[in-house]
Amino acid sequence: MSTRRLARPAVAVASIAAVAVVAACGPSKALYAPTPEMLSVEAPDSFLVEVETSEGTFTVKMRRHWSPAGVDRVWHLMDHDFYAGARIYRVVNGFVAQWGYSGDPLLDSIWRANPIPDEPTVGSNVRGVVSFARAGPETRSTQLFVNLVDNVRLDALSSGGVEGYPPIGEIETGLEVIDGFYSAYAERMPGSVQDSIRTLGNDYLRRAFPQLDSIVGTRVTGYWR
């Protein structure tokens, strides 16, 4: 697949003041009509994202050499605020905190139809590392999780014939915010909860699991080439 570099200055670290949190208006309209050019944009070698949530703010440093396809995808999603309004719907103490559905079934269906290729696991799923969730070959699209503990078994865990969960980045600051995400629903969520989220979005989650934490918005604050 061909790639195109973004027309941004090559700097050691640059503040991107023009990229503001747009939680009030939600995800960018550009996300509803992804073009081949948009899907092939290449991310910087690494970049910082500030994630504002209902529990507080944390910062993630994405590392492209760990997972080029994964980081290219998350650069596009977070730069366009795909996750504004997303619920952190799966929080399992001693394991992971997971999110990835925008809350809009139409938007989620568009991106689920555009998965990224599988890649080898380069980094390790230790505490504070962010990875894509998946459910078989070439099913990584928008679902992310943060490891709440060292889950190194995920580095080589086979699921659907694919081995490992390749990390894409790590929490730089605010890991205590993630530790504080509401987790009391973990034991009583039905196995079909993801089907319901895909079909009904945040309307379902507000009714069934009203205390879930959510993402207010994401903001790229710096990058390295």
Protein backbone atom coordinates (compact mmCIF):
# COMPACT_ATOMS: atom_id res chain seq x y z
CA MET A 1 0.00 0.00 0.00
CA SER A 2 1.37 3.38 -0.96
CA THR A 3 1.87 6.03 1.69
CA ARG A 4 1.99 9.81 1.61
CA ARG A 5 3.72 11.99 4.14
CA LEU A 6 1.76 14.80 5.69
CA ALA A 7 2.75 18.26 4.57
CA ARG A 8 4.00 19.35 7.98
CA PRO A 9 7.43 20.72 8.90
CA ALA A 10 10.09 18.24 9.96
CA VAL A 11 10.99 19.33 13.47
CA ALA A 12 12.40 17.71 16.57
CA VAL A 13 9.33 18.59 18.60
CA ALA A 14 6.63 20.95 17.45
CA SER A 15 3.60 22.36 19.16
CA ILE A 16 0.49 21.99 17.05
CA ALA A 17 -1.64 24.80 18.34
CA ALA A 18 -4.07 24.63 15.46
CA VAL A 19 -5.28 21.18 16.52
CA ALA A 20 -7.80 21.89 19.26
CA VAL A 21 -10.08 19.67 21.25
CA VAL A 22 -13.41 19.69 19.45
CA ALA A 23 -15.48 17.71 21.91
CA ALA A 24 -18.39 20.09 21.52
CA CYS A 25 -18.87 19.15 17.86
CA GLY A 26 -17.59 15.57 18.09
CA PRO A 27 -15.55 13.70 15.47
CA SER A 28 -14.56 15.49 12.27
CA LYS A 29 -16.97 15.13 9.35
CA ALA A 30 -14.00 13.96 7.27
CA LEU A 31 -14.12 10.66 9.14
CA TYR A 32 -17.47 9.81 7.53
CA ALA A 33 -15.98 9.67 4.04
CA PRO A 34 -12.42 8.33 4.26
CA THR A 35 -10.63 8.50 0.93
CA PRO A 36 -7.74 6.24 -0.17
CA GLU A 37 -5.45 9.23 0.30
CA MET A 38 -6.65 9.71 3.89
CA LEU A 39 -6.26 6.01 4.68
CA SER A 40 -2.68 5.97 3.35
CA VAL A 41 -1.34 8.99 5.24
CA GLU A 42 1.89 8.14 7.05
CA ALA A 43 2.23 9.25 10.67
CA PRO A 44 5.32 10.90 12.14
CA ASP A 45 7.96 8.61 13.64
CA SER A 46 6.44 9.37 17.03
CA PHE A 47 3.90 11.83 18.37
CA LEU A 48 2.19 12.88 21.59
CA VAL A 49 -1.56 12.86 22.10
CA GLU A 50 -3.37 14.47 25.02
CA VAL A 51 -6.54 12.54 25.85
CA GLU A 52 -9.10 14.38 27.96
CA THR A 53 -11.54 12.09 29.77
CA SER A 54 -14.29 12.37 32.36
CA GLU A 55 -11.76 11.15 34.94
CA GLY A 56 -8.93 13.50 33.95
CA THR A 57 -6.29 13.87 31.25
CA PHE A 58 -3.53 11.51 30.18
CA THR A 59 -0.86 11.72 27.47
CA VAL A 60 0.21 8.95 25.10
CA LYS A 61 3.43 8.76 23.10
CA MET A 62 2.87 6.79 19.90
CA ARG A 63 5.87 4.95 18.42
CA ARG A 64 5.60 4.17 14.72
CA HIS A 65 8.47 1.68 14.64
CA TRP A 66 6.44 -0.61 16.90
CA SER A 67 3.51 -0.84 14.48
CA PRO A 68 3.60 1.35 11.36
CA ALA A 69 0.09 0.50 10.17
CA GLY A 70 -1.34 0.77 13.68
CA VAL A 71 0.24 4.15 14.41
CA ASP A 72 -0.72 5.52 10.99
CA ARG A 73 -4.32 4.61 11.76
CA VAL A 74 -4.39 6.07 15.27
CA TRP A 75 -2.70 9.29 14.05
CA HIS A 76 -5.58 9.81 11.64
CA LEU A 77 -8.26 8.92 14.19
CA MET A 78 -6.90 11.07 17.00
CA ASP A 79 -5.99 14.00 14.76
CA HIS A 80 -9.66 14.05 13.66
CA ASP A 81 -11.05 13.41 17.19
CA PHE A 82 -12.73 10.12 16.30
CA TYR A 83 -12.90 9.17 19.99
CA ALA A 84 -14.69 12.32 21.20
CA GLY A 85 -17.62 10.92 23.20
CA ALA A 86 -16.35 7.32 23.20
CA ARG A 87 -17.07 5.32 26.36
CA ILE A 88 -14.33 3.37 28.11
CA TYR A 89 -16.64 0.40 28.05
CA ARG A 90 -14.35 -2.39 29.26
CA VAL A 91 -12.29 -1.89 32.42
CA VAL A 92 -11.00 -5.06 34.04
CA ASN A 93 -8.90 -4.44 37.14
CA GLY A 94 -5.58 -6.25 36.89
CA PHE A 95 -5.87 -6.50 33.12
CA VAL A 96 -6.88 -3.72 30.66
CA ALA A 97 -8.98 -0.61 30.04
CA GLN A 98 -10.51 -0.62 26.55
CA TRP A 99 -12.35 1.80 24.28
CA GLY A 100 -12.79 2.25 20.55
CA TYR A 101 -16.42 2.71 19.55
CA SER A 102 -17.15 6.33 18.69
CA GLY A 103 -20.72 5.97 19.94
CA ASP A 104 -22.15 6.57 16.46
CA PRO A 105 -23.02 3.21 14.80
CA LEU A 106 -22.73 4.69 11.30
CA LEU A 107 -19.23 6.05 11.90
CA ASP A 108 -18.11 2.83 13.57
CA SER A 109 -19.38 0.74 10.64
CA ILE A 110 -17.41 2.87 8.18
CA TRP A 111 -14.13 2.31 10.01
CA ARG A 112 -14.80 -1.33 10.82
CA ALA A 113 -14.99 -1.84 7.04
CA ASN A 114 -11.46 -0.39 6.72
CA PRO A 115 -9.25 -2.57 8.92
CA ILE A 116 -5.45 -2.41 8.90
CA PRO A 117 -3.04 -5.24 8.08
CA ASP A 118 -1.70 -7.55 10.74
CA GLU A 119 1.84 -6.84 11.96
CA PRO A 120 4.43 -8.61 14.12
CA THR A 121 4.61 -7.74 17.81
CA VAL A 122 7.67 -5.55 18.39
CA GLY A 123 6.95 -3.82 21.70
CA SER A 124 5.70 -5.60 24.81
CA ASN A 125 2.32 -5.36 26.55
CA VAL A 126 3.60 -4.14 29.89
CA ARG A 127 1.80 -1.76 32.23
CA GLY A 128 0.96 1.55 30.55
CA VAL A 129 1.42 0.31 26.98
CA VAL A 130 -1.38 0.92 24.44
CA SER A 131 -2.29 -1.70 21.83
CA PHE A 132 -4.99 -2.40 19.27
CA ALA A 133 -7.61 -5.01 20.16
CA ARG A 134 -8.57 -7.49 17.46
CA ALA A 135 -10.75 -10.56 16.86
CA GLY A 136 -8.87 -12.49 14.20
CA PRO A 137 -6.88 -11.76 11.03
CA GLU A 138 -6.94 -8.14 9.83
CA THR A 139 -9.58 -6.94 12.30
CA ARG A 140 -7.69 -4.04 13.87
CA SER A 141 -9.62 -0.86 13.11
CA THR A 142 -10.45 1.47 16.04
CA GLN A 143 -10.42 -0.60 19.25
CA LEU A 144 -7.59 0.26 21.69
CA PHE A 145 -6.66 -0.91 25.16
CA VAL A 146 -4.22 0.16 27.85
CA ASN A 147 -2.47 -2.55 29.83
CA LEU A 148 -3.16 -1.94 33.53
CA VAL A 149 -0.52 -4.51 34.53
CA ASP A 150 2.27 -6.38 32.76
CA ASN A 151 0.41 -8.58 30.25
CA VAL A 152 3.41 -10.00 28.42
CA ARG A 153 1.45 -13.13 27.54
CA LEU A 154 -0.44 -10.97 25.03
CA ASP A 155 2.78 -10.52 23.05
CA ALA A 156 2.46 -14.03 21.66
CA LEU A 157 -1.15 -14.96 22.44
CA SER A 158 -2.78 -16.54 19.38
CA SER A 159 -6.35 -15.59 18.46
CA GLY A 160 -8.04 -16.56 15.23
CA GLY A 161 -4.74 -17.69 13.78
CA VAL A 162 -2.97 -14.37 14.44
CA GLU A 163 -0.22 -14.16 17.05
CA GLY A 164 0.20 -11.29 19.47
CA TYR A 165 -1.24 -7.83 20.09
CA PRO A 166 1.27 -5.31 18.69
CA PRO A 167 1.71 -2.24 20.93
CA ILE A 168 1.49 1.21 19.34
CA GLY A 169 2.48 3.52 22.20
CA GLU A 170 2.83 4.11 25.92
CA ILE A 171 1.33 6.38 28.56
CA GLU A 172 3.68 9.29 29.24
CA THR A 173 1.65 10.98 31.98
CA GLY A 174 -1.66 10.34 33.72
CA LEU A 175 -1.58 6.59 34.20
CA GLU A 176 -3.34 7.17 37.52
CA VAL A 177 -6.26 8.61 35.53
CA ILE A 178 -6.63 5.33 33.67
CA ASP A 179 -6.36 3.39 36.93
CA GLY A 180 -9.38 5.41 38.11
CA PHE A 181 -11.74 4.50 35.26
CA TYR A 182 -15.05 3.04 36.44
CA SER A 183 -14.71 -0.75 36.55
CA ALA A 184 -17.72 -2.01 38.54
CA TYR A 185 -19.54 -3.15 35.39
CA ALA A 186 -16.83 -5.60 34.36
CA GLU A 187 -18.43 -8.61 36.00
CA ARG A 188 -21.96 -8.07 34.70
CA MET A 189 -21.49 -6.96 31.12
CA PRO A 190 -23.04 -9.52 28.74
CA GLY A 191 -20.84 -11.19 26.18
CA SER A 192 -22.94 -9.52 23.49
CA VAL A 193 -22.21 -5.99 24.74
CA GLN A 194 -20.05 -5.14 21.74
CA ASP A 195 -22.83 -6.21 19.36
CA SER A 196 -25.19 -3.84 21.17
CA ILE A 197 -22.68 -0.98 21.04
CA ARG A 198 -22.15 -1.53 17.32
CA THR A 199 -25.91 -1.49 16.71
CA LEU A 200 -27.11 1.17 19.16
CA GLY A 201 -24.01 3.17 20.07
CA ASN A 202 -23.89 5.45 23.08
CA ASP A 203 -27.68 5.42 23.42
CA TYR A 204 -27.37 1.83 24.61
CA LEU A 205 -24.44 2.51 26.91
CA ARG A 206 -26.12 5.52 28.53
CA ARG A 207 -29.14 3.37 29.40
CA ALA A 208 -27.40 0.16 30.41
CA PHE A 209 -24.11 1.41 31.88
CA PRO A 210 -24.58 5.09 32.80
CA GLN A 211 -21.50 5.40 35.02
CA LEU A 212 -18.94 4.51 32.37
CA ASP A 213 -16.15 7.04 31.91
CA SER A 214 -15.81 8.65 28.50
CA ILE A 215 -13.33 10.47 26.28
CA VAL A 216 -14.03 14.19 25.92
CA GLY A 217 -11.53 14.76 23.12
CA THR A 218 -8.03 14.11 21.79
CA ARG A 219 -5.35 16.63 20.83
CA VAL A 220 -2.03 16.01 19.09
CA THR A 221 0.44 18.19 20.99
CA GLY A 222 3.80 17.37 19.39
CA TYR A 223 5.60 15.07 17.01
CA TRP A 224 9.03 13.90 15.90
CA ARG A 225 10.19 13.07 12.37
